[in-house]
């Protein structure tokens, strides 16, 4: 499973906690965007559950964009450096 995750968290402390949590599942791409590749259904469910316990639904939002294999091959980049660190540690 390949997921692109974007978040908008209103409080610095929660935003930092979300960032650290996502970093253990995927690659930080831009300020509030993570790419999580090769997640199992179980890992994805655990991640969503952990995130849900941290956010305040009336103030924060997290979007999950699943990418099929066909879409993954069509990802294009203009500028920036391709992230080199593909090491992912699951918490």
C-alpha atoms as a PDB file:
ATOM      1  CA  UNK A   1       0.000   0.000   0.000  1.00  0.00           C
ATOM      2  CA  UNK A   2       1.356   3.391  -1.021  1.00  0.00           C
ATOM      3  CA  UNK A   3      -0.186   6.415   0.748  1.00  0.00           C
ATOM      4  CA  UNK A   4       0.442  10.152   0.464  1.00  0.00           C
ATOM      5  CA  UNK A   5      -0.491  11.927   3.706  1.00  0.00           C
ATOM      6  CA  UNK A   6      -1.069  15.645   4.144  1.00  0.00           C
ATOM      7  CA  UNK A   7      -1.867  17.254   7.469  1.00  0.00           C
ATOM      8  CA  UNK A   8      -2.993  20.601   8.849  1.00  0.00           C
ATOM      9  CA  UNK A   9      -2.519  20.677  12.614  1.00  0.00           C
ATOM     10  CA  UNK A  10      -3.284  23.910  14.450  1.00  0.00           C
ATOM     11  CA  UNK A  11      -1.074  23.502  17.536  1.00  0.00           C
ATOM     12  CA  UNK A  12       2.737  23.242  17.458  1.00  0.00           C
ATOM     13  CA  UNK A  13       2.952  20.506  20.092  1.00  0.00           C
ATOM     14  CA  UNK A  14       0.425  18.250  18.299  1.00  0.00           C
ATOM     15  CA  UNK A  15       1.978  19.051  14.908  1.00  0.00           C
ATOM     16  CA  UNK A  16       5.405  17.965  16.178  1.00  0.00           C
ATOM     17  CA  UNK A  17       3.943  14.762  17.608  1.00  0.00           C
ATOM     18  CA  UNK A  18       2.163  13.983  14.310  1.00  0.00           C
ATOM     19  CA  UNK A  19       5.360  14.705  12.347  1.00  0.00           C
ATOM     20  CA  UNK A  20       7.426  12.339  14.516  1.00  0.00           C
ATOM     21  CA  UNK A  21       4.782   9.645  14.260  1.00  0.00           C
ATOM     22  CA  UNK A  22       4.579   9.896  10.466  1.00  0.00           C
ATOM     23  CA  UNK A  23       8.371   9.919  10.203  1.00  0.00           C
ATOM     24  CA  UNK A  24       8.392   6.417  11.681  1.00  0.00           C
ATOM     25  CA  UNK A  25       6.112   5.204   8.866  1.00  0.00           C
ATOM     26  CA  UNK A  26       7.302   7.089   5.812  1.00  0.00           C
ATOM     27  CA  UNK A  27       9.405   9.726   4.102  1.00  0.00           C
ATOM     28  CA  UNK A  28       8.913  13.432   4.815  1.00  0.00           C
ATOM     29  CA  UNK A  29       8.457  15.065   1.419  1.00  0.00           C
ATOM     30  CA  UNK A  30       7.471  18.662   2.184  1.00  0.00           C
ATOM     31  CA  UNK A  31       6.360  20.697   5.205  1.00  0.00           C
ATOM     32  CA  UNK A  32       3.134  18.801   5.902  1.00  0.00           C
ATOM     33  CA  UNK A  33       3.372  15.958   3.391  1.00  0.00           C
ATOM     34  CA  UNK A  34       4.592  12.396   3.914  1.00  0.00           C
ATOM     35  CA  UNK A  35       4.913   9.515   1.497  1.00  0.00           C
ATOM     36  CA  UNK A  36       4.370   6.098   3.058  1.00  0.00           C
ATOM     37  CA  UNK A  37       5.322   3.232   0.759  1.00  0.00           C
ATOM     38  CA  UNK A  38       4.884  -0.485   1.218  1.00  0.00           C
ATOM     39  CA  UNK A  39       2.531  -0.267   4.192  1.00  0.00           C
ATOM     40  CA  UNK A  40       0.555  -3.383   5.022  1.00  0.00           C
ATOM     41  CA  UNK A  41      -3.152  -3.066   5.806  1.00  0.00           C
ATOM     42  CA  UNK A  42      -2.309  -3.656   9.472  1.00  0.00           C
ATOM     43  CA  UNK A  43       0.374  -0.955   9.555  1.00  0.00           C
ATOM     44  CA  UNK A  44      -1.962   1.500   7.816  1.00  0.00           C
ATOM     45  CA  UNK A  45      -4.776   0.768  10.279  1.00  0.00           C
ATOM     46  CA  UNK A  46      -2.401   1.165  13.236  1.00  0.00           C
ATOM     47  CA  UNK A  47      -1.098   4.478  11.860  1.00  0.00           C
ATOM     48  CA  UNK A  48      -4.618   5.862  11.383  1.00  0.00           C
ATOM     49  CA  UNK A  49      -5.596   4.769  14.874  1.00  0.00           C
ATOM     50  CA  UNK A  50      -2.521   6.384  16.439  1.00  0.00           C
ATOM     51  CA  UNK A  51      -3.085   9.638  14.516  1.00  0.00           C
ATOM     52  CA  UNK A  52      -6.759   9.693  15.456  1.00  0.00           C
ATOM     53  CA  UNK A  53      -5.835   9.595  19.151  1.00  0.00           C
ATOM     54  CA  UNK A  54      -3.624  12.707  18.819  1.00  0.00           C
ATOM     55  CA  UNK A  55      -5.632  15.109  16.682  1.00  0.00           C
ATOM     56  CA  UNK A  56      -8.482  17.378  17.684  1.00  0.00           C
ATOM     57  CA  UNK A  57     -11.054  16.741  14.920  1.00  0.00           C
ATOM     58  CA  UNK A  58     -12.634  20.195  15.255  1.00  0.00           C
ATOM     59  CA  UNK A  59      -9.265  21.924  14.736  1.00  0.00           C
ATOM     60  CA  UNK A  60      -7.028  19.545  12.763  1.00  0.00           C
ATOM     61  CA  UNK A  61      -7.222  17.509   9.592  1.00  0.00           C
ATOM     62  CA  UNK A  62      -5.226  14.705   8.031  1.00  0.00           C
ATOM     63  CA  UNK A  63      -5.803  13.594   4.449  1.00  0.00           C
ATOM     64  CA  UNK A  64      -4.852  10.158   3.117  1.00  0.00           C
ATOM     65  CA  UNK A  65      -4.338   9.704  -0.616  1.00  0.00           C
ATOM     66  CA  UNK A  66      -3.891   6.059  -1.623  1.00  0.00           C
ATOM     67  CA  UNK A  67      -1.844   5.670  -4.808  1.00  0.00           C
ATOM     68  CA  UNK A  68      -2.298   2.621  -7.002  1.00  0.00           C
ATOM     69  CA  UNK A  69       0.723   1.099  -8.745  1.00  0.00           C
ATOM     70  CA  UNK A  70      -0.280   2.804 -12.001  1.00  0.00           C
ATOM     71  CA  UNK A  71      -0.445   6.232 -10.327  1.00  0.00           C
ATOM     72  CA  UNK A  72       2.877   5.705  -8.551  1.00  0.00           C
ATOM     73  CA  UNK A  73       4.593   5.352 -11.907  1.00  0.00           C
ATOM     74  CA  UNK A  74       3.138   8.683 -13.045  1.00  0.00           C
ATOM     75  CA  UNK A  75       4.471  10.773 -10.154  1.00  0.00           C
ATOM     76  CA  UNK A  76       6.408  13.716 -11.543  1.00  0.00           C
ATOM     77  CA  UNK A  77       8.713  16.180  -9.816  1.00  0.00           C
ATOM     78  CA  UNK A  78       9.732  19.680 -10.791  1.00  0.00           C
ATOM     79  CA  UNK A  79      12.656  21.060  -8.791  1.00  0.00           C
ATOM     80  CA  UNK A  80      13.805  20.075  -5.365  1.00  0.00           C
ATOM     81  CA  UNK A  81      15.981  17.176  -4.407  1.00  0.00           C
ATOM     82  CA  UNK A  82      14.697  13.617  -4.439  1.00  0.00           C
ATOM     83  CA  UNK A  83      14.785  12.400  -0.816  1.00  0.00           C
ATOM     84  CA  UNK A  84      17.708  10.033  -0.338  1.00  0.00           C
ATOM     85  CA  UNK A  85      16.716   8.422   2.959  1.00  0.00           C
ATOM     86  CA  UNK A  86      14.246   5.624   2.250  1.00  0.00           C
ATOM     87  CA  UNK A  87      14.823   3.924   5.615  1.00  0.00           C
ATOM     88  CA  UNK A  88      11.538   3.508   7.478  1.00  0.00           C
ATOM     89  CA  UNK A  89      11.222   2.293  11.035  1.00  0.00           C
ATOM     90  CA  UNK A  90       7.813   1.204  12.234  1.00  0.00           C
ATOM     91  CA  UNK A  91       6.914   2.224  15.753  1.00  0.00           C
END
